Amino acid sequence: MVADVHRGTFIKPYHAVMSMVFAVALGAGWMMLPGDSELIAMLERDGHSRDALAILEQGYANGDRRYRTLHQMLGLYEYQGDATKARTILEEMVSERPYDPALRERLVNFYQAVGDGKARLDALKAQIETRYKESACREYVALLRLDGHNDDELAGLQFCRQRGYRRPDDLARLAVLLAATGDTVQASATLRSIDDVKRLTTTEERFLLVDLLLRQGLPNEAVRRAVRWIKAGKDTGLAVGLVDVLARSKFPDSALDLAKNAGEAGDSVSLTVAERLLEKSQQQAAILYLRGWLDAAQMEDLDVARRFIGTALDGGDPRTALRGARKFGLANLDPQLAETLARGLEKVAMRQEAEEVRETAHVHLAQPQQPREPTSSDAGSAQTQSDSRASGQSGSEARVEAAHAAPRDMLAVWRRSLSSHMSDDAQKLSAKLGFPMPRPSPPRHHGATRTQAQSTTKVLKKTDKVLQRAKKLNSLKLKQKTVRERAQSAKGKVRPPAQ
């Protein structure tokens, strides 16, 4: 009986095995059930973002501060447009991972999206302090410059430069701000470093560096750098400007050195040497230099010719000025320059040359030597000739018909009649006054034909002279007549009455 009881309560081996298999299956099934992360992912996939966010907020309220939870909450808040809660979560994430550059960059972009400029500047500065990045420094400096506070911009540029920022444009801006504060040493050092590596490209930066070097008493270095800029860019305007700056400084001799080293024989830069010599009252040296300069010069620019002639006249050498004008072409001179040169020649009794300069410049202005474009009359004559050939007419008949058909200048006849009448009146008036005016001799042709404009101009000049002389004679005769009448009246009063 006892044996049967013990035999009934004993667990059979297969029962234990089945129980173990069931327990393992139950544990595996429990493990396979979806957790919060999978549930949230499924809810987001199915479009139930609010339910997913409710689960995350419940876990956050219970103390869940895992990075995954915060990241999911941040994404859902940004998706729903809740900027306040998203900002809180993102700042908390950055505080938990302060050395994560991607997270800090995300914070900067978030501040930019919400329009918080001050927080964006602070985030950029913290990002640069954590890990240097050139794009972050460039953005940080640009925001400071946009605010318009030079002190903050200067501090930001120095802050970025200490961490390795070397952008040339911003470093040049740093030098400008330092020069404005009076720190010429550091400003010149900054511009030197840029010029040694990248070369200064803008004219303002180059002039600033030259000015800073001159303030520090380094004219030789200023000349050396200026010569390098001029020869590299072949900029004549920059060369002349730098020479003027050096001439007005405390070291005027450096301007002469720059002109000698940067210029070539016969160019506009080397011409400034003579100008500087005249400023130093060295006229003889300036004249000698101008004569040598003229031998190598091309004289194709009016501005260069004007400078040369003016410098030579200021130095008291109108002969050299005349040589330069002839090399440039007397007909190419403007009226003012030609008159200045003519007056300078008259001062040294070179009246014939002065008259030549005036006449040549005047003839050039009256009748410029330019290629004549084909006019409608030319086209008409050509068409008439072709028609005459087609119709069998002779060339002379065709030319006559073309002359009648072509449009005429209505003032040409009036000009010719006026010129002839004025010359005839001048001849008659001079004959009446007792000063017969000789007939003009036929012009002598020296390789060039006298134009109608030239002859008309001379006739007008002579007529004007004769008329002025006639006016003087008439006034003189009137005076003599008045004197005679007064004398006769006085005699009549003195005589006694007749008996």
Protein backbone atom coordinates (compact mmCIF):
# COMPACT_ATOMS: atom_id res chain seq x y z
CA MET A 1 0.00 0.00 0.00
CA VAL A 2 2.79 2.42 0.93
CA ALA A 3 4.69 1.49 -2.20
CA ASP A 4 1.71 2.35 -4.31
CA VAL A 5 1.42 5.79 -2.69
CA HIS A 6 5.07 6.62 -3.29
CA ARG A 7 4.80 5.36 -6.81
CA GLY A 8 1.83 7.72 -7.49
CA THR A 9 3.43 10.96 -6.16
CA PHE A 10 6.76 10.62 -7.98
CA ILE A 11 7.22 13.09 -10.97
CA LYS A 12 7.85 11.25 -14.06
CA PRO A 13 10.85 12.21 -16.21
CA TYR A 14 8.88 13.16 -19.28
CA HIS A 15 6.75 15.49 -17.15
CA ALA A 16 9.86 17.38 -16.07
CA VAL A 17 11.09 17.64 -19.63
CA MET A 18 7.79 18.99 -20.86
CA SER A 19 7.66 21.51 -18.05
CA MET A 20 11.15 22.70 -18.88
CA VAL A 21 10.30 23.05 -22.58
CA PHE A 22 7.16 25.00 -21.72
CA ALA A 23 9.09 27.39 -19.46
CA VAL A 24 11.70 28.01 -22.13
CA ALA A 25 9.02 28.65 -24.73
CA LEU A 26 7.22 31.00 -22.39
CA GLY A 27 10.43 32.97 -21.75
CA ALA A 28 11.23 33.10 -25.44
CA GLY A 29 7.74 34.33 -26.22
CA TRP A 30 8.03 36.99 -23.55
CA MET A 31 11.32 38.08 -25.00
CA MET A 32 9.83 38.28 -28.48
CA LEU A 33 7.08 40.64 -27.42
CA PRO A 34 7.68 44.24 -28.81
CA GLY A 35 9.16 46.74 -26.34
CA ASP A 36 8.66 50.47 -26.08
CA SER A 37 11.16 51.24 -28.84
CA GLU A 38 9.55 48.80 -31.26
CA LEU A 39 6.09 49.95 -30.27
CA ILE A 40 7.03 53.60 -30.84
CA ALA A 41 8.60 52.74 -34.18
CA MET A 42 5.46 50.90 -35.26
CA LEU A 43 3.25 53.77 -34.16
CA GLU A 44 5.36 56.27 -36.06
CA ARG A 45 5.28 54.04 -39.11
CA ASP A 46 1.51 53.78 -38.96
CA GLY A 47 1.10 57.55 -38.48
CA HIS A 48 0.18 57.54 -34.80
CA SER A 49 2.86 59.98 -33.72
CA ARG A 50 0.80 61.40 -30.85
CA ASP A 51 0.46 57.96 -29.26
CA ALA A 52 4.18 57.39 -29.66
CA LEU A 53 4.95 60.78 -28.11
CA ALA A 54 2.62 60.00 -25.18
CA ILE A 55 4.57 56.82 -24.44
CA LEU A 56 7.87 58.72 -24.61
CA GLU A 57 6.61 61.51 -22.36
CA GLN A 58 5.41 58.95 -19.82
CA GLY A 59 8.84 57.36 -19.79
CA TYR A 60 10.50 60.80 -19.52
CA ALA A 61 8.26 61.62 -16.54
CA ASN A 62 9.27 58.35 -14.91
CA GLY A 63 12.95 59.34 -15.17
CA ASP A 64 13.94 57.89 -18.53
CA ARG A 65 16.85 60.05 -19.74
CA ARG A 66 18.36 57.74 -22.27
CA TYR A 67 19.80 59.36 -25.38
CA ARG A 68 17.55 57.27 -27.61
CA THR A 69 14.45 58.46 -25.78
CA LEU A 70 15.51 62.09 -25.96
CA HIS A 71 16.38 61.76 -29.64
CA GLN A 72 12.95 60.30 -30.45
CA MET A 73 11.18 62.97 -28.43
CA LEU A 74 13.16 65.72 -30.18
CA GLY A 75 12.26 64.37 -33.60
CA LEU A 76 8.55 64.19 -32.74
CA TYR A 77 8.52 67.69 -31.24
CA GLU A 78 10.19 69.13 -34.34
CA TYR A 79 7.74 67.24 -36.52
CA GLN A 80 4.79 68.75 -34.64
CA GLY A 81 6.35 72.24 -34.55
CA ASP A 82 6.59 72.51 -30.77
CA ALA A 83 9.75 74.67 -30.65
CA THR A 84 9.68 75.29 -26.90
CA LYS A 85 9.74 71.61 -25.87
CA ALA A 86 12.15 70.77 -28.68
CA ARG A 87 14.54 73.48 -27.46
CA THR A 88 14.41 72.10 -23.90
CA ILE A 89 15.12 68.55 -25.03
CA LEU A 90 17.93 69.62 -27.38
CA GLU A 91 19.67 71.74 -24.75
CA GLU A 92 19.42 68.82 -22.32
CA MET A 93 20.96 66.51 -24.89
CA VAL A 94 23.85 68.98 -25.44
CA SER A 95 24.42 69.24 -21.68
CA GLU A 96 24.63 65.45 -21.44
CA ARG A 97 27.02 65.23 -24.40
CA PRO A 98 28.98 68.52 -24.43
CA TYR A 99 31.77 67.25 -26.70
CA ASP A 100 29.54 66.00 -29.48
CA PRO A 101 30.26 68.35 -32.47
CA ALA A 102 27.30 67.09 -34.49
CA LEU A 103 24.93 67.79 -31.61
CA ARG A 104 26.31 71.30 -31.11
CA GLU A 105 26.00 72.04 -34.81
CA ARG A 106 22.39 70.85 -34.64
CA LEU A 107 21.80 73.26 -31.75
CA VAL A 108 23.24 76.16 -33.82
CA ASN A 109 20.98 75.30 -36.75
CA PHE A 110 18.00 75.10 -34.41
CA TYR A 111 18.70 78.59 -33.04
CA GLN A 112 19.02 79.87 -36.59
CA ALA A 113 15.65 78.31 -37.47
CA VAL A 114 13.86 79.89 -34.51
CA GLY A 115 15.62 83.26 -35.04
CA ASP A 116 17.42 83.59 -31.71
CA GLY A 117 20.57 85.50 -32.70
CA LYS A 118 22.15 85.85 -29.28
CA ALA A 119 21.73 82.15 -28.46
CA ARG A 120 23.13 81.32 -31.89
CA LEU A 121 26.26 83.41 -31.23
CA ASP A 122 26.75 81.71 -27.85
CA ALA A 123 26.27 78.28 -29.41
CA LEU A 124 28.77 79.08 -32.18
CA LYS A 125 31.35 80.27 -29.69
CA ALA A 126 30.85 77.13 -27.59
CA GLN A 127 31.16 74.99 -30.71
CA ILE A 128 34.45 76.69 -31.66
CA GLU A 129 35.76 76.26 -28.12
CA THR A 130 34.85 72.58 -28.20
CA ARG A 131 36.33 71.88 -31.61
CA TYR A 132 37.70 74.40 -34.13
CA LYS A 133 35.91 74.53 -37.46
CA GLU A 134 36.58 77.15 -40.14
CA SER A 135 32.97 77.36 -41.30
CA ALA A 136 31.83 77.99 -37.72
CA CYS A 137 34.40 80.78 -37.31
CA ARG A 138 33.40 82.35 -40.60
CA GLU A 139 29.73 82.29 -39.58
CA TYR A 140 30.54 83.65 -36.12
CA VAL A 141 32.57 86.56 -37.50
CA ALA A 142 29.93 87.34 -40.12
CA LEU A 143 27.21 87.57 -37.46
CA LEU A 144 29.35 89.88 -35.34
CA ARG A 145 30.04 92.12 -38.33
CA LEU A 146 26.36 92.16 -39.18
CA ASP A 147 25.53 93.50 -35.73
CA GLY A 148 27.77 96.52 -36.36
CA HIS A 149 29.67 96.47 -33.06
CA ASN A 150 33.34 96.89 -33.93
CA ASP A 151 34.56 95.98 -30.45
CA ASP A 152 32.69 92.67 -30.47
CA GLU A 153 33.88 91.98 -34.02
CA LEU A 154 37.48 92.68 -33.04
CA ALA A 155 37.20 90.36 -30.04
CA GLY A 156 35.61 87.65 -32.19
CA LEU A 157 38.33 87.90 -34.85
CA GLN A 158 41.07 87.65 -32.25
CA PHE A 159 39.25 84.72 -30.60
CA CYS A 160 39.06 82.82 -33.90
CA ARG A 161 42.61 83.72 -34.87
CA GLN A 162 43.95 82.25 -31.63
CA ARG A 163 42.34 78.94 -32.58
CA GLY A 164 43.83 78.82 -36.07
CA TYR A 165 41.53 80.91 -38.23
CA ARG A 166 43.53 82.28 -41.22
CA ARG A 167 41.02 83.52 -43.79
CA PRO A 168 42.76 86.45 -45.61
CA ASP A 169 39.72 88.71 -45.94
CA ASP A 170 38.83 88.47 -42.26
CA LEU A 171 42.44 88.94 -41.21
CA ALA A 172 42.62 92.08 -43.32
CA ARG A 173 39.47 93.27 -41.57
CA LEU A 174 41.18 92.54 -38.26
CA ALA A 175 44.12 94.71 -39.33
CA VAL A 176 41.78 97.56 -40.23
CA LEU A 177 40.10 97.38 -36.82
CA LEU A 178 43.46 97.25 -35.05
CA ALA A 179 44.67 100.27 -37.00
CA ALA A 180 41.49 102.11 -36.04
CA THR A 181 42.21 101.45 -32.37
CA GLY A 182 45.78 102.75 -32.77
CA ASP A 183 47.61 99.42 -32.59
CA THR A 184 49.74 99.99 -35.69
CA VAL A 185 52.33 97.37 -34.80
CA GLN A 186 49.91 94.46 -34.63
CA ALA A 187 47.95 95.75 -37.64
CA SER A 188 51.08 95.96 -39.81
CA ALA A 189 52.19 92.52 -38.61
CA THR A 190 48.83 91.05 -39.64
CA LEU A 191 48.96 92.64 -43.09
CA ARG A 192 52.56 91.54 -43.55
CA SER A 193 51.65 87.93 -42.82
CA ILE A 194 48.86 88.07 -45.38
CA ASP A 195 51.07 89.74 -48.00
CA ASP A 196 53.87 87.23 -47.49
CA VAL A 197 51.61 84.22 -47.99
CA LYS A 198 48.61 85.21 -50.12
CA ARG A 199 49.54 88.71 -51.38
CA LEU A 200 47.28 91.65 -50.65
CA THR A 201 44.85 92.02 -53.52
CA THR A 202 42.75 95.13 -52.81
CA THR A 203 44.06 98.66 -53.22
CA GLU A 204 42.77 99.72 -49.79
CA GLU A 205 44.75 97.02 -48.01
CA ARG A 206 47.93 97.89 -49.90
CA PHE A 207 47.67 101.59 -49.15
CA LEU A 208 46.93 100.79 -45.50
CA LEU A 209 50.05 98.63 -45.21
CA VAL A 210 52.22 101.32 -46.82
CA ASP A 211 50.80 103.92 -44.44
CA LEU A 212 51.43 101.70 -41.41
CA LEU A 213 55.00 101.00 -42.50
CA LEU A 214 55.65 104.71 -42.98
CA ARG A 215 54.27 105.42 -39.52
CA GLN A 216 56.71 102.91 -38.07
CA GLY A 217 59.59 104.47 -39.99
CA LEU A 218 60.11 101.63 -42.48
CA PRO A 219 60.13 103.32 -45.91
CA ASN A 220 62.50 100.78 -47.47
CA GLU A 221 60.15 97.89 -46.76
CA ALA A 222 57.23 99.94 -48.07
CA VAL A 223 59.12 100.60 -51.32
CA ARG A 224 60.08 96.91 -51.64
CA ARG A 225 56.52 95.68 -51.27
CA ALA A 226 55.16 98.41 -53.56
CA VAL A 227 57.63 97.51 -56.31
CA ARG A 228 56.54 93.87 -56.07
CA TRP A 229 52.86 94.80 -56.37
CA ILE A 230 53.44 97.09 -59.34
CA LYS A 231 55.57 94.64 -61.29
CA ALA A 232 53.19 91.76 -60.59
CA GLY A 233 50.03 93.58 -61.64
CA LYS A 234 51.45 96.20 -64.06
CA ASP A 235 48.99 98.72 -62.61
CA THR A 236 50.04 102.23 -63.57
CA GLY A 237 47.34 103.89 -61.48
CA LEU A 238 48.49 102.05 -58.38
CA ALA A 239 52.08 103.05 -59.05
CA VAL A 240 51.27 106.74 -59.43
CA GLY A 241 49.11 106.66 -56.30
CA LEU A 242 51.80 105.00 -54.21
CA VAL A 243 54.39 107.49 -55.44
CA ASP A 244 52.12 110.35 -54.38
CA VAL A 245 51.60 108.79 -50.94
CA LEU A 246 55.32 108.39 -50.43
CA ALA A 247 55.99 111.92 -51.67
CA ARG A 248 53.59 113.38 -49.10
CA SER A 249 55.05 111.35 -46.24
CA LYS A 250 58.01 112.07 -43.99
CA PHE A 251 60.23 110.19 -46.44
CA PRO A 252 59.85 111.96 -49.83
CA ASP A 253 63.05 110.39 -51.15
CA SER A 254 61.36 106.99 -51.04
CA ALA A 255 58.95 108.19 -53.76
CA LEU A 256 61.93 108.76 -56.05
CA ASP A 257 63.26 105.29 -55.25
CA LEU A 258 59.89 103.70 -56.01
CA ALA A 259 59.59 105.50 -59.35
CA LYS A 260 63.09 104.42 -60.36
CA ASN A 261 62.65 100.78 -59.36
CA ALA A 262 59.06 100.21 -60.48
CA GLY A 263 59.09 102.14 -63.74
CA GLU A 264 60.73 101.43 -67.05
CA ALA A 265 62.37 103.84 -69.43
CA GLY A 266 59.75 105.90 -71.20
CA ASP A 267 56.65 104.88 -69.22
CA SER A 268 54.35 107.02 -67.11
CA VAL A 269 55.69 105.65 -63.82
CA SER A 270 59.26 106.68 -64.53
CA LEU A 271 58.01 110.12 -65.57
CA THR A 272 57.17 110.77 -61.93
CA VAL A 273 60.91 110.88 -61.21
CA ALA A 274 61.16 114.23 -62.99
CA GLU A 275 58.09 115.51 -61.17
CA ARG A 276 59.60 114.58 -57.82
CA LEU A 277 62.90 116.22 -58.78
CA LEU A 278 61.07 119.45 -59.55
CA GLU A 279 59.35 119.27 -56.19
CA LYS A 280 62.78 119.07 -54.61
CA SER A 281 63.86 122.19 -56.62
CA GLN A 282 66.35 120.20 -58.72
CA GLN A 283 65.43 121.69 -62.09
CA GLN A 284 68.64 120.87 -63.91
CA ALA A 285 68.48 117.21 -62.89
CA ALA A 286 64.81 117.07 -63.86
CA ILE A 287 65.49 118.52 -67.32
CA LEU A 288 68.33 116.09 -67.96
CA TYR A 289 66.13 113.22 -66.87
CA LEU A 290 63.29 114.39 -69.14
CA ARG A 291 65.60 114.48 -72.16
CA GLY A 292 66.74 110.94 -71.53
CA TRP A 293 63.20 109.82 -70.83
CA LEU A 294 61.96 111.26 -74.12
CA ASP A 295 64.44 109.21 -76.15
CA ALA A 296 62.90 105.95 -74.88
CA ALA A 297 59.26 107.09 -74.71
CA GLN A 298 56.57 106.15 -77.23
CA MET A 299 54.33 109.16 -76.46
CA GLU A 300 51.04 107.56 -77.45
CA ASP A 301 48.90 108.67 -74.50
CA LEU A 302 47.52 112.20 -74.20
CA ASP A 303 47.75 112.18 -70.41
CA VAL A 304 51.41 111.22 -70.53
CA ALA A 305 52.08 113.91 -73.14
CA ARG A 306 50.29 116.49 -71.00
CA ARG A 307 52.35 115.52 -67.96
CA PHE A 308 55.60 115.62 -69.93
CA ILE A 309 54.93 119.02 -71.48
CA GLY A 310 53.79 120.48 -68.17
CA THR A 311 56.83 119.14 -66.34
CA ALA A 312 59.22 120.44 -69.00
CA LEU A 313 57.62 123.88 -68.94
CA ASP A 314 57.73 123.97 -65.15
CA GLY A 315 61.40 123.11 -65.36
CA GLY A 316 62.02 126.03 -67.73
CA ASP A 317 62.84 124.00 -70.85
CA PRO A 318 60.22 124.69 -73.55
CA ARG A 319 62.49 123.24 -76.24
CA THR A 320 62.25 119.80 -74.65
CA ALA A 321 58.51 120.30 -74.28
CA LEU A 322 58.29 121.09 -78.01
CA ARG A 323 60.27 117.95 -78.84
CA GLY A 324 57.85 115.86 -76.82
CA ALA A 325 54.87 117.56 -78.44
CA ARG A 326 56.23 116.90 -81.93
CA LYS A 327 56.87 113.29 -81.03
CA PHE A 328 53.31 112.96 -79.82
CA GLY A 329 51.99 114.96 -82.77
CA LEU A 330 51.14 118.65 -82.72
CA ALA A 331 47.83 117.94 -84.40
CA ASN A 332 46.86 115.62 -81.54
CA LEU A 333 47.24 118.28 -78.84
CA ASP A 334 44.13 119.77 -77.29
CA PRO A 335 43.68 123.57 -77.59
CA GLN A 336 44.51 124.34 -73.97
CA LEU A 337 47.71 122.31 -74.00
CA ALA A 338 48.76 123.80 -77.35
CA GLU A 339 48.18 127.33 -76.07
CA THR A 340 50.19 126.61 -72.92
CA LEU A 341 53.06 125.27 -74.99
CA ALA A 342 52.90 128.24 -77.37
CA ARG A 343 53.09 130.71 -74.51
CA GLY A 344 56.04 128.87 -73.07
CA LEU A 345 57.80 129.08 -76.43
CA GLU A 346 57.08 132.80 -76.75
CA LYS A 347 58.78 133.43 -73.42
CA VAL A 348 62.06 132.23 -74.91
CA ALA A 349 61.58 134.15 -78.19
CA MET A 350 60.54 131.07 -80.20
CA ARG A 351 57.65 132.87 -81.90
CA GLN A 352 57.80 130.93 -85.14
CA GLU A 353 57.54 127.61 -83.32
CA ALA A 354 54.73 128.99 -81.15
CA GLU A 355 52.81 130.06 -84.24
CA GLU A 356 53.40 126.63 -85.74
CA VAL A 357 51.94 124.98 -82.66
CA ARG A 358 48.88 127.23 -82.72
CA GLU A 359 48.25 126.82 -86.44
CA THR A 360 48.68 123.06 -86.38
CA ALA A 361 46.38 122.61 -83.44
CA HIS A 362 43.83 125.01 -84.96
CA VAL A 363 43.90 123.27 -88.35
CA HIS A 364 43.45 119.93 -86.66
CA LEU A 365 40.44 121.23 -84.77
CA ALA A 366 38.94 122.89 -87.87
CA GLN A 367 39.39 119.90 -90.11
CA PRO A 368 40.16 116.64 -88.30
CA GLN A 369 41.95 114.06 -90.32
CA GLN A 370 39.48 111.20 -90.16
CA PRO A 371 38.55 108.67 -92.79
CA ARG A 372 35.41 109.83 -94.57
CA GLU A 373 32.58 107.39 -94.41
CA PRO A 374 30.60 106.69 -97.59
CA THR A 375 27.64 109.07 -97.79
CA SER A 376 24.40 108.91 -99.63
CA SER A 377 25.85 111.08 -102.43
CA ASP A 378 28.66 108.57 -102.94
CA ALA A 379 26.16 105.78 -103.06
CA GLY A 380 24.03 107.79 -105.47
CA SER A 381 26.96 108.52 -107.76
CA ALA A 382 27.98 104.89 -107.76
CA GLN A 383 24.43 103.87 -108.58
CA THR A 384 24.27 106.49 -111.36
CA GLN A 385 27.51 105.24 -112.88
CA SER A 386 26.24 101.70 -112.87
CA ASP A 387 22.95 102.83 -114.42
CA SER A 388 24.82 104.86 -117.06
CA ARG A 389 26.90 101.88 -117.97
CA ALA A 390 23.79 99.86 -118.33
CA SER A 391 22.11 102.54 -120.48
CA GLY A 392 25.21 103.28 -122.57
CA GLN A 393 25.81 106.89 -121.35
CA SER A 394 29.28 108.38 -121.13
CA GLY A 395 31.08 108.88 -117.81
CA SER A 396 30.94 112.72 -117.92
CA GLU A 397 27.19 112.76 -118.58
CA ALA A 398 26.65 110.34 -115.76
CA ARG A 399 28.71 112.47 -113.36
CA VAL A 400 26.71 115.59 -114.31
CA GLU A 401 23.43 113.82 -113.71
CA ALA A 402 24.75 112.44 -110.41
CA ALA A 403 25.85 115.92 -109.32
CA HIS A 404 22.35 117.30 -110.01
CA ALA A 405 20.67 114.36 -108.34
CA ALA A 406 22.89 114.27 -105.22
CA PRO A 407 21.83 116.36 -102.16
CA ARG A 408 23.78 119.60 -101.79
CA ASP A 409 24.95 121.57 -98.80
CA MET A 410 22.67 124.61 -98.74
CA LEU A 411 25.18 126.68 -96.75
CA ALA A 412 28.14 126.08 -99.07
CA VAL A 413 27.08 128.82 -101.53
CA TRP A 414 26.42 131.25 -98.70
CA ARG A 415 29.85 130.59 -97.20
CA ARG A 416 31.61 131.23 -100.52
CA SER A 417 29.67 134.44 -101.21
CA LEU A 418 30.30 135.73 -97.67
CA SER A 419 34.02 135.09 -98.00
CA SER A 420 34.25 136.85 -101.37
CA HIS A 421 32.19 139.85 -100.21
CA MET A 422 34.27 140.26 -97.07
CA SER A 423 37.53 140.14 -99.01
CA ASP A 424 36.23 142.68 -101.58
CA ASP A 425 35.00 145.02 -98.84
CA ALA A 426 38.35 144.80 -97.11
CA GLN A 427 40.17 145.69 -100.34
CA LYS A 428 37.90 148.68 -101.02
CA LEU A 429 38.11 150.00 -97.48
CA SER A 430 41.90 149.76 -97.37
CA ALA A 431 42.11 151.60 -100.73
CA LYS A 432 39.90 154.44 -99.44
CA LEU A 433 42.00 154.86 -96.33
CA GLY A 434 45.18 155.10 -98.33
CA PHE A 435 46.58 151.74 -97.31
CA PRO A 436 46.27 149.57 -100.36
CA MET A 437 46.07 145.96 -99.38
CA PRO A 438 48.15 143.69 -101.61
CA ARG A 439 46.43 140.87 -103.31
CA PRO A 440 47.25 137.52 -101.71
CA SER A 441 49.79 135.63 -103.70
CA PRO A 442 48.86 132.19 -104.90
CA PRO A 443 49.56 129.61 -102.22
CA ARG A 444 52.65 127.48 -102.40
CA HIS A 445 51.99 123.82 -102.15
CA HIS A 446 54.53 121.88 -100.10
CA GLY A 447 53.30 118.40 -100.62
CA ALA A 448 49.79 119.23 -99.31
CA THR A 449 46.86 121.17 -100.84
CA ARG A 450 45.46 124.22 -99.06
CA THR A 451 41.93 123.51 -98.06
CA GLN A 452 39.04 125.95 -98.36
CA ALA A 453 38.72 126.12 -94.57
CA GLN A 454 42.33 127.32 -94.24
CA SER A 455 41.98 130.08 -96.90
CA THR A 456 38.67 131.23 -95.42
CA THR A 457 40.21 131.43 -91.96
CA LYS A 458 43.10 133.60 -93.20
CA VAL A 459 40.74 135.93 -95.08
CA LEU A 460 38.63 136.37 -91.96
CA LYS A 461 41.72 137.15 -89.90
CA LYS A 462 42.96 139.78 -92.40
CA THR A 463 39.49 141.30 -92.68
CA ASP A 464 39.27 141.62 -88.93
CA LYS A 465 42.64 143.41 -88.82
CA VAL A 466 41.65 145.85 -91.60
CA LEU A 467 38.34 146.64 -89.93
CA GLN A 468 40.03 147.32 -86.62
CA ARG A 469 42.53 149.63 -88.37
CA ALA A 470 39.68 151.44 -90.13
CA LYS A 471 37.89 152.01 -86.85
CA LYS A 472 41.02 153.49 -85.34
CA LEU A 473 41.51 155.83 -88.34
CA ASN A 474 37.88 156.95 -88.24
CA SER A 475 38.11 157.73 -84.54
CA LEU A 476 41.37 159.63 -85.17
CA LYS A 477 39.77 161.70 -87.98
CA LEU A 478 36.83 162.54 -85.75
CA LYS A 479 39.18 163.74 -83.03
CA GLN A 480 41.14 165.88 -85.52
CA LYS A 481 37.96 167.38 -86.89
CA THR A 482 36.76 168.23 -83.38
CA VAL A 483 40.07 169.92 -82.58
CA ARG A 484 39.96 172.03 -85.78
CA GLU A 485 36.41 173.13 -85.09
CA ARG A 486 37.31 174.17 -81.57
CA ALA A 487 40.34 176.10 -82.84
CA GLN A 488 38.27 177.94 -85.46
CA SER A 489 35.62 178.84 -82.93
CA ALA A 490 38.28 180.15 -80.56
CA LYS A 491 39.81 182.35 -83.32
CA GLY A 492 36.39 183.80 -84.16
CA LYS A 493 35.88 184.89 -80.58
CA VAL A 494 39.29 186.63 -80.36
CA ARG A 495 38.97 188.72 -83.60
CA PRO A 496 37.50 192.27 -83.20
CA PRO A 497 34.27 193.04 -84.98
CA ALA A 498 34.63 194.52 -88.48
CA GLN A 499 34.07 198.35 -88.86
